[in-house]
Structures are given as structure tokens and as C-alpha cells.
């Protein structure tokens, strides 16, 4: 079973809008592509080489980070991102450490993300995998809907997996944003 990714548009350095993947499975704070760093003219810094693992277990060596001022519908901060060659078709990925830092919680069935605490909280709606505005010259393939992208990763149905029954779905829909 596949699902559309949780995506948002982020403003970088008050000038550039880019489609961003919010990925709770990404174990780094954030990853930005080399191409995006160049296009947006972001400040770069050399760091001690470190290896990160990608979606397929492929490793990449990171030797630089980029500094960017981000604005996600009013949530603003200056952040540093690993610079990589690929970010699953997105310019920027924000990972689990960013989510922890921002106090971000995703509510997938409502296509919402809340950022902050109950006293000061932003509600952000997912673009639910809408393709990035930017297209590469080679063409864009959405890694979540392109069957060739996942051809070697197809998952068989899990034993005991069923869709949520109606009563469970109804109980989930009663949860309000105040509970987060």
C-alpha cells in the first residue's frame, strides 16, 4: 500500500518558494539538493565528512551544509541543511529531528500538520504529494506514484492488515486539533 507524501510549500530567504517533503522517516534535520543551493544562492559551509543512509539503504557522503531562512506559513527559522544530490524529487526534505525541534505533529488522515504548542500553534494543510512547481530538464518523476521508482520495493500485503473499520474511522474523526 502506498500513500501520497506530506508536502508543503516553503519560502526560502524571503524570495524563493519550493515544494518540501515533510518526512518523519528521515533521520537527519533536513536535506537540500545541490541544485537548489546553487539556484537560490544559499550560503555553504564545509563540514567534516559524514555518511547518511537514504531510502533504499544507499549511503551518501555529506561534506557541506547550507544555511537558509525558512518560512512555512508563518513558522520562521534559520536552519542548516545537509547538501545532497537527490532528495526524492524535492528541493528540500525536513526530517524527524526538524519535526522534534519545531514541535511538529502530522495528522495523516486529516492531511494536517500542527507546529508549536497549544498556546501558539500553526495549522498547516498538506499539499498531499502535489508535484513540485519546478521540473528538471530530464522531466520529473514522482517517487511515490511512479511505478518504476518503486519497482524493486513493492510490498506484499501484510498478514492481518485490514482497512480501518467504520467504527474506528468514526472515533478517529472525533479527535480535534485541541488534543494535539
C-alpha atoms as a PDB file:
ATOM      1  CA  UNK A   1       0.000   0.000   0.000  1.00  0.00           C
ATOM      2  CA  UNK A   2       1.332   3.442  -0.846  1.00  0.00           C
ATOM      3  CA  UNK A   3       0.290   6.904   0.189  1.00  0.00           C
ATOM      4  CA  UNK A   4       0.823  10.407  -1.070  1.00  0.00           C
ATOM      5  CA  UNK A   5       3.657  12.187   0.753  1.00  0.00           C
ATOM      6  CA  UNK A   6       3.087  15.081   3.147  1.00  0.00           C
ATOM      7  CA  UNK A   7       4.271  18.131   1.219  1.00  0.00           C
ATOM      8  CA  UNK A   8       4.195  21.876   1.847  1.00  0.00           C
ATOM      9  CA  UNK A   9       5.480  24.991   0.122  1.00  0.00           C
ATOM     10  CA  UNK A  10       8.244  26.789   2.000  1.00  0.00           C
ATOM     11  CA  UNK A  11       9.682  30.246   1.329  1.00  0.00           C
ATOM     12  CA  UNK A  12      13.495  30.252   1.436  1.00  0.00           C
ATOM     13  CA  UNK A  13      15.370  33.502   2.183  1.00  0.00           C
ATOM     14  CA  UNK A  14      12.172  35.544   1.672  1.00  0.00           C
ATOM     15  CA  UNK A  15      12.454  35.091  -2.111  1.00  0.00           C
ATOM     16  CA  UNK A  16      12.088  31.516  -3.291  1.00  0.00           C
ATOM     17  CA  UNK A  17       9.147  29.154  -2.924  1.00  0.00           C
ATOM     18  CA  UNK A  18       9.849  25.440  -3.047  1.00  0.00           C
ATOM     19  CA  UNK A  19       7.850  22.261  -2.549  1.00  0.00           C
ATOM     20  CA  UNK A  20       9.131  20.468   0.533  1.00  0.00           C
ATOM     21  CA  UNK A  21       8.667  16.918   1.756  1.00  0.00           C
ATOM     22  CA  UNK A  22       7.964  16.503   5.464  1.00  0.00           C
ATOM     23  CA  UNK A  23       9.392  13.063   6.208  1.00  0.00           C
ATOM     24  CA  UNK A  24       9.087  11.565   9.687  1.00  0.00           C
ATOM     25  CA  UNK A  25      11.229   8.645   8.476  1.00  0.00           C
ATOM     26  CA  UNK A  26      14.161  10.888   7.569  1.00  0.00           C
ATOM     27  CA  UNK A  27      16.683  10.769  10.391  1.00  0.00           C
ATOM     28  CA  UNK A  28      18.522  13.997   9.571  1.00  0.00           C
ATOM     29  CA  UNK A  29      17.260  17.509  10.329  1.00  0.00           C
ATOM     30  CA  UNK A  30      16.981  18.392   6.664  1.00  0.00           C
ATOM     31  CA  UNK A  31      18.395  17.705   3.236  1.00  0.00           C
ATOM     32  CA  UNK A  32      18.575  20.220   0.392  1.00  0.00           C
ATOM     33  CA  UNK A  33      19.725  19.477  -3.133  1.00  0.00           C
ATOM     34  CA  UNK A  34      22.924  20.819  -4.647  1.00  0.00           C
ATOM     35  CA  UNK A  35      20.866  22.288  -7.498  1.00  0.00           C
ATOM     36  CA  UNK A  36      18.609  24.188  -5.078  1.00  0.00           C
ATOM     37  CA  UNK A  37      21.580  25.616  -3.174  1.00  0.00           C
ATOM     38  CA  UNK A  38      23.018  26.925  -6.451  1.00  0.00           C
ATOM     39  CA  UNK A  39      19.699  28.254  -7.835  1.00  0.00           C
ATOM     40  CA  UNK A  40      18.887  30.109  -4.617  1.00  0.00           C
ATOM     41  CA  UNK A  41      22.471  31.254  -3.954  1.00  0.00           C
ATOM     42  CA  UNK A  42      22.498  29.841  -0.425  1.00  0.00           C
ATOM     43  CA  UNK A  43      25.483  30.238   1.871  1.00  0.00           C
ATOM     44  CA  UNK A  44      27.506  26.995   2.140  1.00  0.00           C
ATOM     45  CA  UNK A  45      29.856  25.634   4.775  1.00  0.00           C
ATOM     46  CA  UNK A  46      32.267  22.719   4.643  1.00  0.00           C
ATOM     47  CA  UNK A  47      31.816  20.133   7.401  1.00  0.00           C
ATOM     48  CA  UNK A  48      33.653  17.003   8.403  1.00  0.00           C
ATOM     49  CA  UNK A  49      32.563  14.221   6.039  1.00  0.00           C
ATOM     50  CA  UNK A  50      29.731  12.083   7.324  1.00  0.00           C
ATOM     51  CA  UNK A  51      27.696   9.289   5.804  1.00  0.00           C
ATOM     52  CA  UNK A  52      23.908   9.269   5.716  1.00  0.00           C
ATOM     53  CA  UNK A  53      21.644   6.464   4.571  1.00  0.00           C
ATOM     54  CA  UNK A  54      18.932   7.056   2.006  1.00  0.00           C
ATOM     55  CA  UNK A  55      15.526   5.489   1.461  1.00  0.00           C
ATOM     56  CA  UNK A  56      16.902   2.349  -0.179  1.00  0.00           C
ATOM     57  CA  UNK A  57      19.772   1.998   2.269  1.00  0.00           C
ATOM     58  CA  UNK A  58      22.122   3.674  -0.209  1.00  0.00           C
ATOM     59  CA  UNK A  59      24.758   5.726   1.536  1.00  0.00           C
ATOM     60  CA  UNK A  60      25.860   9.254   0.629  1.00  0.00           C
ATOM     61  CA  UNK A  61      28.787  11.219   1.942  1.00  0.00           C
ATOM     62  CA  UNK A  62      27.939  14.719   3.081  1.00  0.00           C
ATOM     63  CA  UNK A  63      30.727  17.310   3.112  1.00  0.00           C
ATOM     64  CA  UNK A  64      28.748  20.576   3.058  1.00  0.00           C
ATOM     65  CA  UNK A  65      25.768  22.225   4.680  1.00  0.00           C
ATOM     66  CA  UNK A  66      23.687  25.190   3.536  1.00  0.00           C
ATOM     67  CA  UNK A  67      22.196  27.981   5.618  1.00  0.00           C
ATOM     68  CA  UNK A  68      18.670  29.142   4.809  1.00  0.00           C
ATOM     69  CA  UNK A  69      15.976  31.276   6.382  1.00  0.00           C
ATOM     70  CA  UNK A  70      12.723  29.346   6.022  1.00  0.00           C
ATOM     71  CA  UNK A  71       9.119  30.456   6.330  1.00  0.00           C
ATOM     72  CA  UNK A  72       6.454  27.772   6.493  1.00  0.00           C
ATOM     73  CA  UNK A  73       3.161  29.661   6.610  1.00  0.00           C
ATOM     74  CA  UNK A  74       4.379  31.834   9.472  1.00  0.00           C
ATOM     75  CA  UNK A  75       6.757  29.395  11.156  1.00  0.00           C
ATOM     76  CA  UNK A  76      10.134  31.072  10.639  1.00  0.00           C
ATOM     77  CA  UNK A  77      13.632  29.990  11.492  1.00  0.00           C
ATOM     78  CA  UNK A  78      17.209  29.963  10.272  1.00  0.00           C
ATOM     79  CA  UNK A  79      18.329  26.404   9.647  1.00  0.00           C
ATOM     80  CA  UNK A  80      21.263  24.425   8.303  1.00  0.00           C
ATOM     81  CA  UNK A  81      20.682  21.545   5.903  1.00  0.00           C
ATOM     82  CA  UNK A  82      22.887  18.778   4.549  1.00  0.00           C
ATOM     83  CA  UNK A  83      23.564  19.302   0.846  1.00  0.00           C
ATOM     84  CA  UNK A  84      22.878  16.189  -1.216  1.00  0.00           C
ATOM     85  CA  UNK A  85      22.487  15.263  -4.857  1.00  0.00           C
ATOM     86  CA  UNK A  86      18.944  13.875  -4.584  1.00  0.00           C
ATOM     87  CA  UNK A  87      16.002  14.455  -2.277  1.00  0.00           C
ATOM     88  CA  UNK A  88      13.415  12.065  -3.739  1.00  0.00           C
ATOM     89  CA  UNK A  89      12.409  14.597  -6.386  1.00  0.00           C
ATOM     90  CA  UNK A  90      12.011  17.501  -3.925  1.00  0.00           C
ATOM     91  CA  UNK A  91      14.255  20.511  -3.398  1.00  0.00           C
ATOM     92  CA  UNK A  92      14.123  20.123   0.371  1.00  0.00           C
ATOM     93  CA  UNK A  93      13.258  17.407   2.885  1.00  0.00           C
ATOM     94  CA  UNK A  94      12.555  18.227   6.516  1.00  0.00           C
ATOM     95  CA  UNK A  95      13.169  15.163   8.697  1.00  0.00           C
ATOM     96  CA  UNK A  96      12.247  13.859  12.111  1.00  0.00           C
ATOM     97  CA  UNK A  97      14.813  15.968  14.020  1.00  0.00           C
ATOM     98  CA  UNK A  98      13.265  19.099  12.442  1.00  0.00           C
ATOM     99  CA  UNK A  99       9.807  17.883  13.461  1.00  0.00           C
ATOM    100  CA  UNK A 100      11.018  17.419  17.047  1.00  0.00           C
ATOM    101  CA  UNK A 101      12.671  20.853  17.051  1.00  0.00           C
ATOM    102  CA  UNK A 102       9.588  22.609  15.627  1.00  0.00           C
ATOM    103  CA  UNK A 103       7.215  20.576  17.798  1.00  0.00           C
ATOM    104  CA  UNK A 104       5.518  19.459  14.575  1.00  0.00           C
ATOM    105  CA  UNK A 105       2.876  16.741  14.572  1.00  0.00           C
ATOM    106  CA  UNK A 106       1.387  15.241  11.446  1.00  0.00           C
ATOM    107  CA  UNK A 107      -2.207  14.025  11.459  1.00  0.00           C
ATOM    108  CA  UNK A 108      -2.156  11.998   8.220  1.00  0.00           C
ATOM    109  CA  UNK A 109      -5.843  11.147   7.937  1.00  0.00           C
ATOM    110  CA  UNK A 110      -6.714  14.842   8.232  1.00  0.00           C
ATOM    111  CA  UNK A 111      -3.850  15.924   5.944  1.00  0.00           C
ATOM    112  CA  UNK A 112      -2.726  18.397   8.615  1.00  0.00           C
ATOM    113  CA  UNK A 113       0.404  19.294  10.488  1.00  0.00           C
ATOM    114  CA  UNK A 114       0.441  21.306  13.695  1.00  0.00           C
ATOM    115  CA  UNK A 115       3.559  23.245  14.642  1.00  0.00           C
ATOM    116  CA  UNK A 116       4.192  24.598  18.115  1.00  0.00           C
ATOM    117  CA  UNK A 117       2.491  24.237  21.457  1.00  0.00           C
ATOM    118  CA  UNK A 118      -1.153  24.664  22.380  1.00  0.00           C
ATOM    119  CA  UNK A 119      -0.560  28.316  23.355  1.00  0.00           C
ATOM    120  CA  UNK A 120       0.953  29.169  19.962  1.00  0.00           C
ATOM    121  CA  UNK A 121       0.145  26.657  17.264  1.00  0.00           C
ATOM    122  CA  UNK A 122       0.079  26.807  13.475  1.00  0.00           C
ATOM    123  CA  UNK A 123      -2.162  24.515  11.448  1.00  0.00           C
ATOM    124  CA  UNK A 124      -0.730  23.618   8.048  1.00  0.00           C
ATOM    125  CA  UNK A 125      -2.563  21.685   5.347  1.00  0.00           C
ATOM    126  CA  UNK A 126      -0.623  19.189   3.268  1.00  0.00           C
ATOM    127  CA  UNK A 127      -0.483  19.588  -0.483  1.00  0.00           C
ATOM    128  CA  UNK A 128      -0.657  15.757  -0.427  1.00  0.00           C
ATOM    129  CA  UNK A 129       2.081  14.926  -2.831  1.00  0.00           C
ATOM    130  CA  UNK A 130       1.337  17.599  -5.428  1.00  0.00           C
ATOM    131  CA  UNK A 131       4.282  17.661  -7.760  1.00  0.00           C
ATOM    132  CA  UNK A 132       6.857  20.381  -7.204  1.00  0.00           C
ATOM    133  CA  UNK A 133       6.429  23.506  -9.327  1.00  0.00           C
ATOM    134  CA  UNK A 134       9.973  23.081 -10.639  1.00  0.00           C
ATOM    135  CA  UNK A 135      10.646  20.404 -13.241  1.00  0.00           C
ATOM    136  CA  UNK A 136      14.092  19.162 -14.156  1.00  0.00           C
ATOM    137  CA  UNK A 137      15.164  19.264 -17.788  1.00  0.00           C
ATOM    138  CA  UNK A 138      15.110  15.469 -17.762  1.00  0.00           C
ATOM    139  CA  UNK A 139      11.480  15.504 -16.595  1.00  0.00           C
ATOM    140  CA  UNK A 140      10.025  14.895 -13.172  1.00  0.00           C
ATOM    141  CA  UNK A 141       9.002  11.556 -11.769  1.00  0.00           C
ATOM    142  CA  UNK A 142       7.072  11.466  -8.547  1.00  0.00           C
ATOM    143  CA  UNK A 143       8.808   8.826  -6.415  1.00  0.00           C
ATOM    144  CA  UNK A 144       5.541   7.986  -4.673  1.00  0.00           C
ATOM    145  CA  UNK A 145       3.388   7.396  -7.738  1.00  0.00           C
ATOM    146  CA  UNK A 146       5.872   6.333 -10.421  1.00  0.00           C
ATOM    147  CA  UNK A 147       5.660   2.516 -10.558  1.00  0.00           C
ATOM    148  CA  UNK A 148       9.200   2.251 -11.942  1.00  0.00           C
ATOM    149  CA  UNK A 149      10.647   4.154  -8.995  1.00  0.00           C
ATOM    150  CA  UNK A 150       9.413   1.530  -6.541  1.00  0.00           C
ATOM    151  CA  UNK A 151       9.665  -1.497  -8.837  1.00  0.00           C
ATOM    152  CA  UNK A 152      12.201  -3.210  -6.590  1.00  0.00           C
ATOM    153  CA  UNK A 153      10.483  -2.088  -3.378  1.00  0.00           C
ATOM    154  CA  UNK A 154       6.927  -3.300  -3.901  1.00  0.00           C
ATOM    155  CA  UNK A 155       5.481  -4.523  -0.663  1.00  0.00           C
ATOM    156  CA  UNK A 156       3.245  -7.517  -0.392  1.00  0.00           C
ATOM    157  CA  UNK A 157       0.116  -7.211   1.714  1.00  0.00           C
ATOM    158  CA  UNK A 158       0.937  -7.709   5.370  1.00  0.00           C
ATOM    159  CA  UNK A 159      -0.759 -10.603   7.152  1.00  0.00           C
ATOM    160  CA  UNK A 160      -3.545  -9.305   9.348  1.00  0.00           C
ATOM    161  CA  UNK A 161      -3.670  -5.890   7.664  1.00  0.00           C
ATOM    162  CA  UNK A 162      -7.163  -4.596   7.009  1.00  0.00           C
ATOM    163  CA  UNK A 163      -8.550  -1.177   6.298  1.00  0.00           C
ATOM    164  CA  UNK A 164      -9.893   0.631   9.342  1.00  0.00           C
ATOM    165  CA  UNK A 165     -13.414  -0.439  10.139  1.00  0.00           C
ATOM    166  CA  UNK A 166     -16.127   2.223  10.131  1.00  0.00           C
ATOM    167  CA  UNK A 167     -16.376   2.483  13.941  1.00  0.00           C
ATOM    168  CA  UNK A 168     -12.615   3.033  14.241  1.00  0.00           C
ATOM    169  CA  UNK A 169     -12.669   5.643  11.463  1.00  0.00           C
ATOM    170  CA  UNK A 170     -15.506   7.479  13.200  1.00  0.00           C
ATOM    171  CA  UNK A 171     -13.669   7.500  16.527  1.00  0.00           C
ATOM    172  CA  UNK A 172     -10.558   8.899  14.846  1.00  0.00           C
ATOM    173  CA  UNK A 173     -12.522  11.666  13.134  1.00  0.00           C
ATOM    174  CA  UNK A 174     -13.744  12.878  16.540  1.00  0.00           C
ATOM    175  CA  UNK A 175     -10.211  13.854  17.556  1.00  0.00           C
ATOM    176  CA  UNK A 176      -9.847  17.617  17.447  1.00  0.00           C
ATOM    177  CA  UNK A 177      -6.782  19.759  16.964  1.00  0.00           C
ATOM    178  CA  UNK A 178      -7.050  20.814  20.625  1.00  0.00           C
ATOM    179  CA  UNK A 179      -5.937  17.320  21.576  1.00  0.00           C
ATOM    180  CA  UNK A 180      -2.582  17.848  19.845  1.00  0.00           C
END
